[in-house]
Every structure is written in C-alpha cells, then in structure tokens.
C-alpha cells in the first residue's frame, strides 16, 4: 500500500507527516520503513495518526509498541501519534502515555497542531 509522506517545515525543523486512510504500521518492519523514508526526507521527526497504526500497538501486552518505540529511541527519532486515546481503558497504557508525554520523545496528542508544536521543539 502506498504511503504519502508530507514534509512540514517548522522554523527549520522537518517533520514527516504520514498521510493515509489505511493502516500503515502493522509490524516492526512497516515502522522501520517509515523511519527510513523519514531519514531519506531529511527528517528525524514523524507525525502519524492513530488510525494508521494497527490496534495491537495499543495493547501493551502484544509487545509491538515496545518493539517499535525502542527503534525510535535507538535511531534518535521523535514521534507524535495523533488520536483519541481516552477510549483505551488499560491503566498500563494510560500510564505509558503519561510517561511518554512527560519525556517528550514519544508523544500521544489529540491534534495535529499539538503534534507539530511538540515535534518542533529543539
């Protein structure tokens, strides 16, 4: 499936925004492909929408989120996921989102504007 990457330039900081109506990240390989595409575009920051990520990602027991986010850390990439996370009832996921947002490398936000704001921080 084709993935459209739109580059946002915010005060000299390049953000790769994933534009798609379908699930783009089904597994680690898909995430690594997005990371590679981002690097190719001169960006170390990725904005993706919740609807573009397989639901298993948000079930921490699956291990997928940990596996993918570890790669973001290893390759020194920043990520913002835009969505409505209130629908997830898992306390561990809520805690994970809280801690991630506090550190700022991985962000779970409600709007594209908030994602751009967080990703454009130096």
Protein backbone atom coordinates (compact mmCIF):
# COMPACT_ATOMS: atom_id res chain seq x y z
CA UNK A 1 0.00 0.00 0.00
CA UNK A 2 1.18 3.42 -0.85
CA UNK A 3 2.07 5.86 1.89
CA UNK A 4 2.15 9.58 1.32
CA UNK A 5 4.69 11.48 3.41
CA UNK A 6 4.17 15.21 3.63
CA UNK A 7 7.08 17.31 4.90
CA UNK A 8 6.24 20.07 7.34
CA UNK A 9 8.97 22.68 7.83
CA UNK A 10 8.53 24.39 11.16
CA UNK A 11 11.23 27.00 11.74
CA UNK A 12 13.86 24.83 10.04
CA UNK A 13 12.77 21.59 11.69
CA UNK A 14 11.50 18.99 9.22
CA UNK A 15 8.60 16.77 10.30
CA UNK A 16 7.43 13.82 8.20
CA UNK A 17 3.64 13.54 8.38
CA UNK A 18 2.08 10.25 7.31
CA UNK A 19 -1.00 10.86 5.16
CA UNK A 20 -3.09 7.72 4.62
CA UNK A 21 -6.62 6.42 5.03
CA UNK A 22 -5.49 2.90 5.92
CA UNK A 23 -3.26 1.13 8.44
CA UNK A 24 0.35 1.85 7.56
CA UNK A 25 2.09 0.32 10.58
CA UNK A 26 1.16 -3.34 11.01
CA UNK A 27 4.51 -4.51 12.39
CA UNK A 28 8.10 -3.52 13.15
CA UNK A 29 9.11 -3.77 9.50
CA UNK A 30 6.49 -1.19 8.49
CA UNK A 31 7.70 1.16 11.23
CA UNK A 32 11.32 0.76 10.11
CA UNK A 33 10.27 1.57 6.54
CA UNK A 34 8.64 4.79 7.78
CA UNK A 35 11.78 5.66 9.70
CA UNK A 36 13.89 5.11 6.59
CA UNK A 37 11.55 7.23 4.49
CA UNK A 38 11.74 9.98 7.11
CA UNK A 39 15.56 9.93 7.14
CA UNK A 40 15.53 9.98 3.31
CA UNK A 41 13.45 13.17 3.52
CA UNK A 42 15.91 14.76 5.96
CA UNK A 43 13.62 14.42 8.95
CA UNK A 44 14.11 12.83 12.36
CA UNK A 45 10.53 13.51 13.46
CA UNK A 46 7.41 11.62 12.43
CA UNK A 47 3.76 12.56 12.86
CA UNK A 48 1.30 9.70 12.38
CA UNK A 49 -2.38 9.31 13.14
CA UNK A 50 -3.72 6.59 15.42
CA UNK A 51 -5.90 5.25 12.59
CA UNK A 52 -2.72 4.42 10.66
CA UNK A 53 -1.39 2.08 13.36
CA UNK A 54 -2.63 -1.46 13.97
CA UNK A 55 -4.74 -1.79 17.15
CA UNK A 56 -2.27 -4.30 18.65
CA UNK A 57 0.16 -1.40 19.12
CA UNK A 58 -2.14 0.00 21.80
CA UNK A 59 -2.33 -3.34 23.64
CA UNK A 60 0.95 -3.21 25.55
CA UNK A 61 0.79 -6.98 26.19
CA UNK A 62 1.38 -7.57 22.47
CA UNK A 63 4.86 -6.07 22.82
CA UNK A 64 4.54 -4.25 19.49
CA UNK A 65 4.63 -0.73 20.97
CA UNK A 66 7.75 -1.52 22.99
CA UNK A 67 9.46 -3.08 20.00
CA UNK A 68 8.70 -0.15 17.69
CA UNK A 69 9.35 2.61 20.19
CA UNK A 70 12.69 1.06 21.12
CA UNK A 71 13.75 1.56 17.49
CA UNK A 72 12.70 5.21 17.66
CA UNK A 73 14.97 5.57 20.67
CA UNK A 74 17.85 3.64 19.06
CA UNK A 75 17.74 5.76 15.91
CA UNK A 76 17.17 9.00 17.83
CA UNK A 77 13.83 9.77 16.19
CA UNK A 78 10.92 11.64 17.69
CA UNK A 79 7.31 10.60 17.20
CA UNK A 80 3.88 12.10 17.68
CA UNK A 81 0.77 9.95 17.42
CA UNK A 82 -2.46 11.92 16.96
CA UNK A 83 -5.69 10.37 18.18
CA UNK A 84 -8.33 9.97 20.85
CA UNK A 85 -6.67 7.80 23.47
CA UNK A 86 -9.47 8.17 26.04
CA UNK A 87 -11.20 5.12 24.53
CA UNK A 88 -8.44 2.83 25.80
CA UNK A 89 -9.26 1.61 29.29
CA UNK A 90 -5.92 -0.05 30.11
CA UNK A 91 -4.28 1.56 33.13
CA UNK A 92 -0.86 0.44 31.91
CA UNK A 93 -1.42 2.16 28.55
CA UNK A 94 -2.63 5.34 30.25
CA UNK A 95 0.49 5.30 32.45
CA UNK A 96 2.67 4.64 29.41
CA UNK A 97 1.13 7.57 27.54
CA UNK A 98 1.58 9.85 30.56
CA UNK A 99 5.26 8.92 30.97
CA UNK A 100 5.96 9.17 27.24
CA UNK A 101 4.42 12.63 27.01
CA UNK A 102 6.38 13.75 30.05
CA UNK A 103 9.70 12.77 28.43
CA UNK A 104 8.71 14.26 25.07
CA UNK A 105 10.49 11.89 22.66
CA UNK A 106 7.28 9.92 22.01
CA UNK A 107 4.09 11.97 22.19
CA UNK A 108 0.43 10.93 22.25
CA UNK A 109 -1.63 14.02 21.42
CA UNK A 110 -5.19 14.92 20.44
CA UNK A 111 -4.49 17.22 17.49
CA UNK A 112 -2.18 17.65 14.54
CA UNK A 113 -1.36 21.17 15.76
CA UNK A 114 -0.25 19.84 19.16
CA UNK A 115 1.86 17.18 17.42
CA UNK A 116 3.62 19.81 15.29
CA UNK A 117 4.17 22.02 18.33
CA UNK A 118 5.77 19.20 20.31
CA UNK A 119 7.85 17.86 17.44
CA UNK A 120 9.17 21.30 16.54
CA UNK A 121 10.74 21.78 19.97
CA UNK A 122 14.51 21.72 19.77
